[in-house]
Amino acid sequence: MRAIEFQEYGGPEVLRVVEADVPEPGPGQVSVDVAYAGVNFADLKARAEGYRVPALPYRPGLEVSGRVRALGAGVEGLSVGQEVTALTGDGGYAEVAVADAVTVFPSPAGVDLRTAATLPTVLPTAYALVHAVGRLQPGESVLVQGAAGGIGTVVGQLAKAAGAGAVYGVVSSAPKAEYARSHGYDEVFVGDFEKEVRAATGERGVDLALDPVGGDTLRASLASLAVYGRLVSFGNASSAEPWSVGQPELYPTGVSVGGFSVLSLAKTAPAALRALAERAFATVADGTATLPVTAEFPLAEAAEAHRLMGTRNSTGKLLLKAAR
């Protein structure tokens, strides 16, 4: 089979197409004939700086859609040939991938495999940010960094569906702002946002801020909270040094900070992730949320997908088509 791997860290050019043996599922695992693989910013961080890479060579790819190829010992509730979407953790950039059965889900009714590939990382994360961790209440306001990306696209829709009083987004360019406004955002700020948020809220601040960037952006998000506001960190795209928050930041206005990682939850509480994912996928099946695929590349052109995402000009979801 064909797969994409890198043997050293660097730019998109380090991604190589290799011929590899077809992997077999172990106990509690499932192998999938991959139709599509999702491209995520975490893949770029893995390639560039070794994020979550245990050793080289390494095959990236956190999520796939396709059909069940084989079942490992002890797997129940799935069948060979069944259309599924799966969180793989790694190795998704391949014609065949292996995943733990607990993170393999039947494709939602009426959802094709192309759309199903957008679900495993984005939908559970967006749903958790709005509901499980963010606990957004009707009438509350929310501020979302990366509003035109995959997660941001879905968060805007879910926040509106949850009855948010106002949904504010932050993006890096005017075209991205226009895109975000078409997916549930009331107002979108380009670049600097702290003063704009205060002005838009009459100096009150927002009830919930969602931040995948870290560093200075995270600190500005914290400063944009209203009294009793909540901040949820769900990434560190800036690669900033680890941050800490304590009494000086939390006590004066009673704000709180939480965090979420779909990959970490998959390892520490897979049953909780499964329940979360099932609720999240239901929002696609019932039409509450959609995630547009804005670019698709053949598997062998994974480097081009990484180049596009690395320009920060992409919106929505990028996919690799693995099926020949």
C-alpha atoms as a PDB file:
ATOM      1  CA  MET A   1       0.000   0.000   0.000  1.00  0.00           C
ATOM      2  CA  ARG A   2       0.984   3.668  -0.309  1.00  0.00           C
ATOM      3  CA  ALA A   3       1.553   5.804   2.751  1.00  0.00           C
ATOM      4  CA  ILE A   4       2.994   9.218   3.571  1.00  0.00           C
ATOM      5  CA  GLU A   5       5.820   9.506   6.058  1.00  0.00           C
ATOM      6  CA  PHE A   6       8.702  11.748   7.033  1.00  0.00           C
ATOM      7  CA  GLN A   7      12.138  10.687   8.220  1.00  0.00           C
ATOM      8  CA  GLU A   8      13.272  14.108   9.429  1.00  0.00           C
ATOM      9  CA  TYR A   9      11.598  17.289  10.636  1.00  0.00           C
ATOM     10  CA  GLY A  10      11.215  20.223   8.291  1.00  0.00           C
ATOM     11  CA  GLY A  11       8.979  21.825   5.689  1.00  0.00           C
ATOM     12  CA  PRO A  12       6.335  20.110   3.544  1.00  0.00           C
ATOM     13  CA  GLU A  13       9.074  18.754   1.301  1.00  0.00           C
ATOM     14  CA  VAL A  14      10.063  16.154   3.926  1.00  0.00           C
ATOM     15  CA  LEU A  15       6.780  14.297   3.314  1.00  0.00           C
ATOM     16  CA  ARG A  16       7.414  11.257   1.132  1.00  0.00           C
ATOM     17  CA  VAL A  17       5.249   8.625  -0.551  1.00  0.00           C
ATOM     18  CA  VAL A  18       6.405   5.145   0.487  1.00  0.00           C
ATOM     19  CA  GLU A  19       5.318   1.596  -0.261  1.00  0.00           C
ATOM     20  CA  ALA A  20       4.553  -0.246   2.960  1.00  0.00           C
ATOM     21  CA  ASP A  21       3.077  -3.488   4.208  1.00  0.00           C
ATOM     22  CA  VAL A  22      -0.640  -3.430   4.919  1.00  0.00           C
ATOM     23  CA  PRO A  23      -1.065  -3.152   8.703  1.00  0.00           C
ATOM     24  CA  GLU A  24      -3.072  -5.780  10.559  1.00  0.00           C
ATOM     25  CA  PRO A  25      -5.297  -4.866  13.501  1.00  0.00           C
ATOM     26  CA  GLY A  26      -4.315  -6.117  16.930  1.00  0.00           C
ATOM     27  CA  PRO A  27      -6.724  -7.047  19.709  1.00  0.00           C
ATOM     28  CA  GLY A  28      -9.344  -4.350  20.118  1.00  0.00           C
ATOM     29  CA  GLN A  29      -8.362  -2.674  16.880  1.00  0.00           C
ATOM     30  CA  VAL A  30      -9.844  -2.198  13.416  1.00  0.00           C
ATOM     31  CA  SER A  31      -8.144  -1.716  10.056  1.00  0.00           C
ATOM     32  CA  VAL A  32      -9.792   0.611   7.556  1.00  0.00           C
ATOM     33  CA  ASP A  33      -9.471   0.882   3.777  1.00  0.00           C
ATOM     34  CA  VAL A  34      -9.078   4.646   3.739  1.00  0.00           C
ATOM     35  CA  ALA A  35     -11.195   6.743   1.403  1.00  0.00           C
ATOM     36  CA  TYR A  36     -10.213  10.149   2.774  1.00  0.00           C
ATOM     37  CA  ALA A  37      -7.842  11.434   5.454  1.00  0.00           C
ATOM     38  CA  GLY A  38      -8.295  14.762   7.215  1.00  0.00           C
ATOM     39  CA  VAL A  39      -5.469  17.296   7.330  1.00  0.00           C
ATOM     40  CA  ASN A  40      -5.035  19.038  10.680  1.00  0.00           C
ATOM     41  CA  PHE A  41      -2.707  21.706  12.021  1.00  0.00           C
ATOM     42  CA  ALA A  42      -1.381  19.111  14.459  1.00  0.00           C
ATOM     43  CA  ASP A  43      -0.016  17.229  11.427  1.00  0.00           C
ATOM     44  CA  LEU A  44       1.964  20.313  10.430  1.00  0.00           C
ATOM     45  CA  LYS A  45       3.350  20.670  13.960  1.00  0.00           C
ATOM     46  CA  ALA A  46       4.305  16.980  13.953  1.00  0.00           C
ATOM     47  CA  ARG A  47       6.181  17.382  10.670  1.00  0.00           C
ATOM     48  CA  ALA A  48       7.858  20.668  11.584  1.00  0.00           C
ATOM     49  CA  GLU A  49       8.735  20.226  15.258  1.00  0.00           C
ATOM     50  CA  GLY A  50       7.960  16.663  16.353  1.00  0.00           C
ATOM     51  CA  TYR A  51       4.642  17.371  18.092  1.00  0.00           C
ATOM     52  CA  ARG A  52       3.395  14.033  19.511  1.00  0.00           C
ATOM     53  CA  VAL A  53       5.940  12.106  17.419  1.00  0.00           C
ATOM     54  CA  PRO A  54       7.361   9.184  19.429  1.00  0.00           C
ATOM     55  CA  ALA A  55      10.043   8.247  16.869  1.00  0.00           C
ATOM     56  CA  LEU A  56      11.120   8.627  13.258  1.00  0.00           C
ATOM     57  CA  PRO A  57      10.164   7.672  10.611  1.00  0.00           C
ATOM     58  CA  TYR A  58       6.603   8.802  11.301  1.00  0.00           C
ATOM     59  CA  ARG A  59       3.324   8.601   9.397  1.00  0.00           C
ATOM     60  CA  PRO A  60       0.983  11.517  10.168  1.00  0.00           C
ATOM     61  CA  GLY A  61      -2.784  11.529   9.991  1.00  0.00           C
ATOM     62  CA  LEU A  62      -5.224  11.803  12.894  1.00  0.00           C
ATOM     63  CA  GLU A  63      -8.495  10.907  11.183  1.00  0.00           C
ATOM     64  CA  VAL A  64      -9.895   8.938   8.264  1.00  0.00           C
ATOM     65  CA  SER A  65     -13.070   7.743   6.651  1.00  0.00           C
ATOM     66  CA  GLY A  66     -13.437   4.503   4.737  1.00  0.00           C
ATOM     67  CA  ARG A  67     -14.635   0.925   5.022  1.00  0.00           C
ATOM     68  CA  VAL A  68     -13.715  -1.644   7.629  1.00  0.00           C
ATOM     69  CA  ARG A  69     -11.080  -3.983   6.209  1.00  0.00           C
ATOM     70  CA  ALA A  70     -10.522  -6.327   9.159  1.00  0.00           C
ATOM     71  CA  LEU A  71     -11.427  -6.663  12.825  1.00  0.00           C
ATOM     72  CA  GLY A  72      -9.009  -7.490  15.605  1.00  0.00           C
ATOM     73  CA  ALA A  73      -9.794  -9.979  18.341  1.00  0.00           C
ATOM     74  CA  GLY A  74     -12.585  -8.945  20.671  1.00  0.00           C
ATOM     75  CA  VAL A  75     -14.065  -6.212  18.473  1.00  0.00           C
ATOM     76  CA  GLU A  76     -17.849  -6.134  18.422  1.00  0.00           C
ATOM     77  CA  GLY A  77     -20.444  -3.835  16.885  1.00  0.00           C
ATOM     78  CA  LEU A  78     -18.601  -3.330  13.589  1.00  0.00           C
ATOM     79  CA  SER A  79     -18.472  -5.433  10.450  1.00  0.00           C
ATOM     80  CA  VAL A  80     -16.138  -5.847   7.477  1.00  0.00           C
ATOM     81  CA  GLY A  81     -17.144  -3.525   4.643  1.00  0.00           C
ATOM     82  CA  GLN A  82     -19.018  -1.115   6.920  1.00  0.00           C
ATOM     83  CA  GLU A  83     -18.555   2.596   6.212  1.00  0.00           C
ATOM     84  CA  VAL A  84     -16.868   4.265   9.180  1.00  0.00           C
ATOM     85  CA  THR A  85     -15.119   7.382  10.365  1.00  0.00           C
ATOM     86  CA  ALA A  86     -12.196   6.960  12.751  1.00  0.00           C
ATOM     87  CA  LEU A  87      -9.780   8.823  14.974  1.00  0.00           C
ATOM     88  CA  THR A  88      -6.454   7.130  14.257  1.00  0.00           C
ATOM     89  CA  GLY A  89      -4.039   9.244  16.301  1.00  0.00           C
ATOM     90  CA  ASP A  90      -1.383   8.712  13.620  1.00  0.00           C
ATOM     91  CA  GLY A  91      -0.917   6.779  10.375  1.00  0.00           C
ATOM     92  CA  GLY A  92      -4.023   8.173   8.687  1.00  0.00           C
ATOM     93  CA  TYR A  93      -2.136   9.345   5.598  1.00  0.00           C
ATOM     94  CA  ALA A  94      -2.230   5.882   4.023  1.00  0.00           C
ATOM     95  CA  GLU A  95      -4.383   3.569   1.928  1.00  0.00           C
ATOM     96  CA  VAL A  96      -4.958   1.392   5.004  1.00  0.00           C
ATOM     97  CA  ALA A  97      -4.958   2.654   8.594  1.00  0.00           C
ATOM     98  CA  VAL A  98      -5.437   1.033  12.000  1.00  0.00           C
ATOM     99  CA  ALA A  99      -7.413   2.519  14.883  1.00  0.00           C
ATOM    100  CA  ASP A 100      -8.601   1.403  18.290  1.00  0.00           C
ATOM    101  CA  ALA A 101     -12.162   0.158  17.936  1.00  0.00           C
ATOM    102  CA  VAL A 102     -13.398   2.591  20.589  1.00  0.00           C
ATOM    103  CA  THR A 103     -12.517   5.483  18.248  1.00  0.00           C
ATOM    104  CA  VAL A 104     -14.095   3.929  15.134  1.00  0.00           C
ATOM    105  CA  PHE A 105     -17.655   5.080  14.471  1.00  0.00           C
ATOM    106  CA  PRO A 106     -20.249   4.015  11.909  1.00  0.00           C
ATOM    107  CA  SER A 107     -20.717   6.862   9.448  1.00  0.00           C
ATOM    108  CA  PRO A 108     -23.842   8.840  10.373  1.00  0.00           C
ATOM    109  CA  ALA A 109     -26.897   8.090   8.249  1.00  0.00           C
ATOM    110  CA  GLY A 110     -26.954  10.154   5.086  1.00  0.00           C
ATOM    111  CA  VAL A 111     -23.324  11.271   5.425  1.00  0.00           C
ATOM    112  CA  ASP A 112     -21.002  10.269   2.575  1.00  0.00           C
ATOM    113  CA  LEU A 113     -17.389   9.220   3.124  1.00  0.00           C
ATOM    114  CA  ARG A 114     -15.998  12.564   1.972  1.00  0.00           C
ATOM    115  CA  THR A 115     -17.994  14.404   4.607  1.00  0.00           C
ATOM    116  CA  ALA A 116     -17.370  11.684   7.187  1.00  0.00           C
ATOM    117  CA  ALA A 117     -13.620  12.374   6.998  1.00  0.00           C
ATOM    118  CA  THR A 118     -14.224  15.859   8.421  1.00  0.00           C
ATOM    119  CA  LEU A 119     -15.824  14.546  11.609  1.00  0.00           C
ATOM    120  CA  PRO A 120     -13.451  12.690  13.995  1.00  0.00           C
ATOM    121  CA  THR A 121     -11.313  15.564  15.316  1.00  0.00           C
ATOM    122  CA  VAL A 122     -13.323  18.676  14.510  1.00  0.00           C
ATOM    123  CA  LEU A 123     -16.863  17.757  15.551  1.00  0.00           C
ATOM    124  CA  PRO A 124     -16.112  16.306  19.025  1.00  0.00           C
ATOM    125  CA  THR A 125     -13.751  19.209  19.737  1.00  0.00           C
ATOM    126  CA  ALA A 126     -16.250  21.863  18.651  1.00  0.00           C
ATOM    127  CA  TYR A 127     -19.054  20.181  20.578  1.00  0.00           C
ATOM    128  CA  ALA A 128     -16.924  19.934  23.726  1.00  0.00           C
ATOM    129  CA  LEU A 129     -15.893  23.579  23.481  1.00  0.00           C
ATOM    130  CA  VAL A 130     -19.491  24.755  23.287  1.00  0.00           C
ATOM    131  CA  HIS A 131     -21.160  22.225  25.585  1.00  0.00           C
ATOM    132  CA  ALA A 132     -19.086  19.781  27.659  1.00  0.00           C
ATOM    133  CA  VAL A 133     -16.219  22.097  28.661  1.00  0.00           C
ATOM    134  CA  GLY A 134     -17.397  25.567  27.621  1.00  0.00           C
ATOM    135  CA  ARG A 135     -20.908  25.048  29.061  1.00  0.00           C
ATOM    136  CA  LEU A 136     -22.347  27.854  26.953  1.00  0.00           C
ATOM    137  CA  GLN A 137     -25.737  29.027  28.192  1.00  0.00           C
ATOM    138  CA  PRO A 138     -28.491  30.744  26.164  1.00  0.00           C
ATOM    139  CA  GLY A 139     -27.870  34.461  25.898  1.00  0.00           C
ATOM    140  CA  GLU A 140     -24.141  34.252  26.655  1.00  0.00           C
ATOM    141  CA  SER A 141     -21.453  35.640  24.360  1.00  0.00           C
ATOM    142  CA  VAL A 142     -18.513  33.674  22.967  1.00  0.00           C
ATOM    143  CA  LEU A 143     -15.183  34.678  21.406  1.00  0.00           C
ATOM    144  CA  VAL A 144     -13.488  32.180  19.063  1.00  0.00           C
ATOM    145  CA  GLN A 145      -9.907  32.352  17.791  1.00  0.00           C
ATOM    146  CA  GLY A 146      -9.377  30.837  14.322  1.00  0.00           C
ATOM    147  CA  ALA A 147     -13.018  31.383  13.439  1.00  0.00           C
ATOM    148  CA  ALA A 148     -12.543  30.424   9.764  1.00  0.00           C
ATOM    149  CA  GLY A 149     -10.751  27.134  10.424  1.00  0.00           C
ATOM    150  CA  GLY A 150     -12.345  23.726  10.700  1.00  0.00           C
ATOM    151  CA  ILE A 151     -13.165  23.898  14.412  1.00  0.00           C
ATOM    152  CA  GLY A 152     -14.083  27.573  14.246  1.00  0.00           C
ATOM    153  CA  THR A 153     -16.499  26.935  11.383  1.00  0.00           C
ATOM    154  CA  VAL A 154     -18.423  24.383  13.442  1.00  0.00           C
ATOM    155  CA  VAL A 155     -18.215  26.269  16.753  1.00  0.00           C
ATOM    156  CA  GLY A 156     -19.952  29.281  15.212  1.00  0.00           C
ATOM    157  CA  GLN A 157     -22.878  27.129  14.122  1.00  0.00           C
ATOM    158  CA  LEU A 158     -23.131  25.165  17.373  1.00  0.00           C
ATOM    159  CA  ALA A 159     -22.954  28.321  19.478  1.00  0.00           C
ATOM    160  CA  LYS A 160     -25.815  29.865  17.517  1.00  0.00           C
ATOM    161  CA  ALA A 161     -27.838  26.675  17.828  1.00  0.00           C
ATOM    162  CA  ALA A 162     -27.206  26.723  21.600  1.00  0.00           C
ATOM    163  CA  GLY A 163     -28.764  30.187  21.830  1.00  0.00           C
ATOM    164  CA  ALA A 164     -25.645  32.325  22.167  1.00  0.00           C
ATOM    165  CA  GLY A 165     -26.442  36.010  22.504  1.00  0.00           C
ATOM    166  CA  ALA A 166     -23.443  37.012  20.386  1.00  0.00           C
ATOM    167  CA  VAL A 167     -20.731  35.035  18.601  1.00  0.00           C
ATOM    168  CA  TYR A 168     -17.474  36.886  17.936  1.00  0.00           C
ATOM    169  CA  GLY A 169     -14.603  35.529  15.860  1.00  0.00           C
ATOM    170  CA  VAL A 170     -10.951  36.371  15.309  1.00  0.00           C
ATOM    171  CA  VAL A 171      -9.213  35.649  11.984  1.00  0.00           C
ATOM    172  CA  SER A 172      -6.023  36.669  10.192  1.00  0.00           C
ATOM    173  CA  SER A 173      -7.439  38.233   7.001  1.00  0.00           C
ATOM    174  CA  ALA A 174     -10.464  39.987   5.542  1.00  0.00           C
ATOM    175  CA  PRO A 175     -11.464  37.061   3.267  1.00  0.00           C
ATOM    176  CA  LYS A 176     -11.473  34.788   6.304  1.00  0.00           C
ATOM    177  CA  ALA A 177     -13.688  37.272   8.132  1.00  0.00           C
ATOM    178  CA  GLU A 178     -16.241  37.113   5.323  1.00  0.00           C
ATOM    179  CA  TYR A 179     -16.154  33.311   5.434  1.00  0.00           C
ATOM    180  CA  ALA A 180     -16.666  33.240   9.224  1.00  0.00           C
ATOM    181  CA  ARG A 181     -19.651  35.579   9.032  1.00  0.00           C
ATOM    182  CA  SER A 182     -21.333  33.076   6.732  1.00  0.00           C
ATOM    183  CA  HIS A 183     -21.008  30.370   9.413  1.00  0.00           C
ATOM    184  CA  GLY A 184     -22.721  31.886  12.424  1.00  0.00           C
ATOM    185  CA  TYR A 185     -20.492  34.770  13.519  1.00  0.00           C
ATOM    186  CA  ASP A 186     -22.090  38.116  14.351  1.00  0.00           C
ATOM    187  CA  GLU A 187     -18.862  40.102  14.259  1.00  0.00           C
ATOM    188  CA  VAL A 188     -15.339  39.117  13.213  1.00  0.00           C
ATOM    189  CA  PHE A 189     -12.106  40.883  14.130  1.00  0.00           C
ATOM    190  CA  VAL A 190      -8.946  40.733  12.018  1.00  0.00           C
ATOM    191  CA  GLY A 191      -5.713  40.476  13.987  1.00  0.00           C
ATOM    192  CA  ASP A 192      -5.744  42.422  17.261  1.00  0.00           C
ATOM    193  CA  PHE A 193      -9.025  41.950  19.079  1.00  0.00           C
ATOM    194  CA  GLU A 194      -8.901  42.869  22.777  1.00  0.00           C
ATOM    195  CA  LYS A 195     -10.014  46.505  22.407  1.00  0.00           C
ATOM    196  CA  GLU A 196     -12.552  45.561  19.739  1.00  0.00           C
ATOM    197  CA  VAL A 197     -14.124  42.925  21.989  1.00  0.00           C
ATOM    198  CA  ARG A 198     -14.458  45.399  24.831  1.00  0.00           C
ATOM    199  CA  ALA A 199     -16.041  47.945  22.490  1.00  0.00           C
ATOM    200  CA  ALA A 200     -18.453  45.405  20.983  1.00  0.00           C
ATOM    201  CA  THR A 201     -19.604  44.285  24.424  1.00  0.00           C
ATOM    202  CA  GLY A 202     -19.906  47.737  25.986  1.00  0.00           C
ATOM    203  CA  GLU A 203     -16.718  47.067  28.011  1.00  0.00           C
ATOM    204  CA  ARG A 204     -18.347  44.009  29.619  1.00  0.00           C
ATOM    205  CA  GLY A 205     -16.276  41.304  27.908  1.00  0.00           C
ATOM    206  CA  VAL A 206     -17.394  37.855  26.772  1.00  0.00           C
ATOM    207  CA  ASP A 207     -18.720  34.952  28.815  1.00  0.00           C
ATOM    208  CA  LEU A 208     -16.708  32.293  26.988  1.00  0.00           C
ATOM    209  CA  ALA A 209     -13.410  32.542  25.081  1.00  0.00           C
ATOM    210  CA  LEU A 210     -12.024  29.626  23.055  1.00  0.00           C
ATOM    211  CA  ASP A 211      -8.325  29.672  22.219  1.00  0.00           C
ATOM    212  CA  PRO A 212      -6.201  27.253  20.111  1.00  0.00           C
ATOM    213  CA  VAL A 213      -3.280  29.662  19.695  1.00  0.00           C
ATOM    214  CA  GLY A 214      -1.678  30.069  23.110  1.00  0.00           C
ATOM    215  CA  GLY A 215       0.946  32.620  24.114  1.00  0.00           C
ATOM    216  CA  ASP A 216       0.002  36.286  23.829  1.00  0.00           C
ATOM    217  CA  THR A 217      -3.285  35.424  22.131  1.00  0.00           C
ATOM    218  CA  LEU A 218      -4.342  33.272  25.064  1.00  0.00           C
ATOM    219  CA  ARG A 219      -3.484  36.019  27.533  1.00  0.00           C
ATOM    220  CA  ALA A 220      -5.489  38.550  25.495  1.00  0.00           C
ATOM    221  CA  SER A 221      -8.411  36.098  25.410  1.00  0.00           C
ATOM    222  CA  LEU A 222      -8.244  35.824  29.203  1.00  0.00           C
ATOM    223  CA  ALA A 223      -8.241  39.613  29.463  1.00  0.00           C
ATOM    224  CA  SER A 224     -11.353  39.739  27.235  1.00  0.00           C
ATOM    225  CA  LEU A 225     -13.525  37.796  29.683  1.00  0.00           C
ATOM    226  CA  ALA A 226     -16.479  39.241  31.538  1.00  0.00           C
ATOM    227  CA  VAL A 227     -16.931  38.775  35.268  1.00  0.00           C
ATOM    228  CA  TYR A 228     -17.273  35.013  35.914  1.00  0.00           C
ATOM    229  CA  GLY A 229     -16.156  34.335  32.333  1.00  0.00           C
ATOM    230  CA  ARG A 230     -14.600  31.060  31.150  1.00  0.00           C
ATOM    231  CA  LEU A 231     -11.563  30.483  28.960  1.00  0.00           C
ATOM    232  CA  VAL A 232     -10.956  27.138  27.255  1.00  0.00           C
ATOM    233  CA  SER A 233      -7.515  26.417  25.806  1.00  0.00           C
ATOM    234  CA  PHE A 234      -7.547  23.725  23.109  1.00  0.00           C
ATOM    235  CA  GLY A 235      -4.211  24.085  21.368  1.00  0.00           C
ATOM    236  CA  ASN A 236      -0.889  25.897  21.132  1.00  0.00           C
ATOM    237  CA  ALA A 237      -0.579  26.806  17.465  1.00  0.00           C
ATOM    238  CA  SER A 238       1.898  29.544  18.377  1.00  0.00           C
ATOM    239  CA  SER A 239       4.298  26.994  19.915  1.00  0.00           C
ATOM    240  CA  ALA A 240       4.693  29.405  22.812  1.00  0.00           C
ATOM    241  CA  GLU A 241       6.293  28.313  26.068  1.00  0.00           C
ATOM    242  CA  PRO A 242       3.934  26.551  28.515  1.00  0.00           C
ATOM    243  CA  TRP A 243       1.793  29.089  30.320  1.00  0.00           C
ATOM    244  CA  SER A 244       0.398  29.249  33.800  1.00  0.00           C
ATOM    245  CA  VAL A 245      -2.455  31.156  35.375  1.00  0.00           C
ATOM    246  CA  GLY A 246      -3.171  31.645  39.052  1.00  0.00           C
ATOM    247  CA  GLN A 247      -4.620  33.851  41.747  1.00  0.00           C
ATOM    248  CA  PRO A 248      -3.643  37.246  40.249  1.00  0.00           C
ATOM    249  CA  GLU A 249      -5.545  36.478  37.043  1.00  0.00           C
ATOM    250  CA  LEU A 250      -8.466  34.457  38.411  1.00  0.00           C
ATOM    251  CA  TYR A 251      -9.442  36.060  41.683  1.00  0.00           C
ATOM    252  CA  PRO A 252     -10.312  39.683  40.743  1.00  0.00           C
ATOM    253  CA  THR A 253     -13.290  38.841  38.502  1.00  0.00           C
ATOM    254  CA  GLY A 254     -13.905  35.179  39.283  1.00  0.00           C
ATOM    255  CA  VAL A 255     -12.884  33.894  35.872  1.00  0.00           C
ATOM    256  CA  SER A 256     -11.938  30.265  35.231  1.00  0.00           C
ATOM    257  CA  VAL A 257      -9.745  28.362  32.780  1.00  0.00           C
ATOM    258  CA  GLY A 258     -10.310  24.916  31.278  1.00  0.00           C
ATOM    259  CA  GLY A 259      -8.705  22.822  28.578  1.00  0.00           C
ATOM    260  CA  PHE A 260      -9.539  20.210  25.956  1.00  0.00           C
ATOM    261  CA  SER A 261      -7.667  17.842  23.641  1.00  0.00           C
ATOM    262  CA  VAL A 262      -9.519  15.224  21.642  1.00  0.00           C
ATOM    263  CA  LEU A 263      -6.305  13.185  21.306  1.00  0.00           C
ATOM    264  CA  SER A 264      -5.683  13.199  25.042  1.00  0.00           C
ATOM    265  CA  LEU A 265      -9.284  12.289  25.819  1.00  0.00           C
ATOM    266  CA  ALA A 266      -9.021   9.371  23.381  1.00  0.00           C
ATOM    267  CA  LYS A 267      -6.204   7.958  25.516  1.00  0.00           C
ATOM    268  CA  THR A 268      -7.414   8.787  29.016  1.00  0.00           C
ATOM    269  CA  ALA A 269     -11.197   8.444  28.713  1.00  0.00           C
ATOM    270  CA  PRO A 270     -12.134   6.746  25.422  1.00  0.00           C
ATOM    271  CA  ALA A 271     -15.657   5.929  26.580  1.00  0.00           C
ATOM    272  CA  ALA A 272     -16.257   9.609  27.355  1.00  0.00           C
ATOM    273  CA  LEU A 273     -14.918  10.536  23.938  1.00  0.00           C
ATOM    274  CA  ARG A 274     -17.217   8.026  22.290  1.00  0.00           C
ATOM    275  CA  ALA A 275     -20.278   9.473  24.026  1.00  0.00           C
ATOM    276  CA  LEU A 276     -19.160  12.993  23.116  1.00  0.00           C
ATOM    277  CA  ALA A 277     -18.540  12.056  19.475  1.00  0.00           C
ATOM    278  CA  GLU A 278     -21.919  10.417  19.093  1.00  0.00           C
ATOM    279  CA  ARG A 279     -23.651  13.594  20.287  1.00  0.00           C
ATOM    280  CA  ALA A 280     -21.438  15.714  18.053  1.00  0.00           C
ATOM    281  CA  PHE A 281     -22.001  13.597  14.943  1.00  0.00           C
ATOM    282  CA  ALA A 282     -25.744  13.853  15.483  1.00  0.00           C
ATOM    283  CA  THR A 283     -25.505  17.593  14.812  1.00  0.00           C
ATOM    284  CA  VAL A 284     -24.270  16.828  11.301  1.00  0.00           C
ATOM    285  CA  ALA A 285     -26.899  14.179  10.676  1.00  0.00           C
ATOM    286  CA  ASP A 286     -29.695  16.563  11.696  1.00  0.00           C
ATOM    287  CA  GLY A 287     -28.297  19.529   9.756  1.00  0.00           C
ATOM    288  CA  THR A 288     -27.374  21.691  12.751  1.00  0.00           C
ATOM    289  CA  ALA A 289     -23.709  21.836  11.699  1.00  0.00           C
ATOM    290  CA  THR A 290     -21.857  21.513   8.416  1.00  0.00           C
ATOM    291  CA  LEU A 291     -18.131  21.598   7.710  1.00  0.00           C
ATOM    292  CA  PRO A 292     -17.293  22.528   4.118  1.00  0.00           C
ATOM    293  CA  VAL A 293     -14.419  20.732   2.409  1.00  0.00           C
ATOM    294  CA  THR A 294     -12.619  23.646   0.831  1.00  0.00           C
ATOM    295  CA  ALA A 295      -9.700  21.761  -0.753  1.00  0.00           C
ATOM    296  CA  GLU A 296      -8.975  18.138  -1.631  1.00  0.00           C
ATOM    297  CA  PHE A 297      -5.636  16.638  -2.686  1.00  0.00           C
ATOM    298  CA  PRO A 298      -4.555  13.165  -3.833  1.00  0.00           C
ATOM    299  CA  LEU A 299      -2.708  11.275  -1.121  1.00  0.00           C
ATOM    300  CA  ALA A 300       0.577  11.662  -2.984  1.00  0.00           C
ATOM    301  CA  GLU A 301       0.196  15.459  -2.814  1.00  0.00           C
ATOM    302  CA  ALA A 302       0.078  15.658   0.980  1.00  0.00           C
ATOM    303  CA  ALA A 303       2.933  18.171   0.867  1.00  0.00           C
ATOM    304  CA  GLU A 304       0.762  20.550  -1.169  1.00  0.00           C
ATOM    305  CA  ALA A 305      -2.014  20.291   1.417  1.00  0.00           C
ATOM    306  CA  HIS A 306       0.516  21.142   4.128  1.00  0.00           C
ATOM    307  CA  ARG A 307       1.790  24.110   2.119  1.00  0.00           C
ATOM    308  CA  LEU A 308      -1.716  25.482   1.733  1.00  0.00           C
ATOM    309  CA  MET A 309      -2.569  25.109   5.417  1.00  0.00           C
ATOM    310  CA  GLY A 310       0.788  26.605   6.342  1.00  0.00           C
ATOM    311  CA  THR A 311       0.019  29.820   4.435  1.00  0.00           C
ATOM    312  CA  ARG A 312      -2.856  30.512   6.892  1.00  0.00           C
ATOM    313  CA  ASN A 313      -5.040  31.263   3.869  1.00  0.00           C
ATOM    314  CA  SER A 314      -7.136  28.097   4.045  1.00  0.00           C
ATOM    315  CA  THR A 315     -10.643  27.918   5.462  1.00  0.00           C
ATOM    316  CA  GLY A 316     -12.906  25.014   6.400  1.00  0.00           C
ATOM    317  CA  LYS A 317     -11.473  21.523   6.026  1.00  0.00           C
ATOM    318  CA  LEU A 318      -8.665  20.100   3.859  1.00  0.00           C
ATOM    319  CA  LEU A 319      -8.704  16.429   2.837  1.00  0.00           C
ATOM    320  CA  LEU A 320      -6.433  13.871   1.210  1.00  0.00           C
ATOM    321  CA  LYS A 321      -8.094  11.339  -1.090  1.00  0.00           C
ATOM    322  CA  ALA A 322      -6.483   7.966  -0.447  1.00  0.00           C
ATOM    323  CA  ALA A 323      -8.682   5.744  -2.626  1.00  0.00           C
ATOM    324  CA  ARG A 324      -7.267   5.306  -6.118  1.00  0.00           C
END
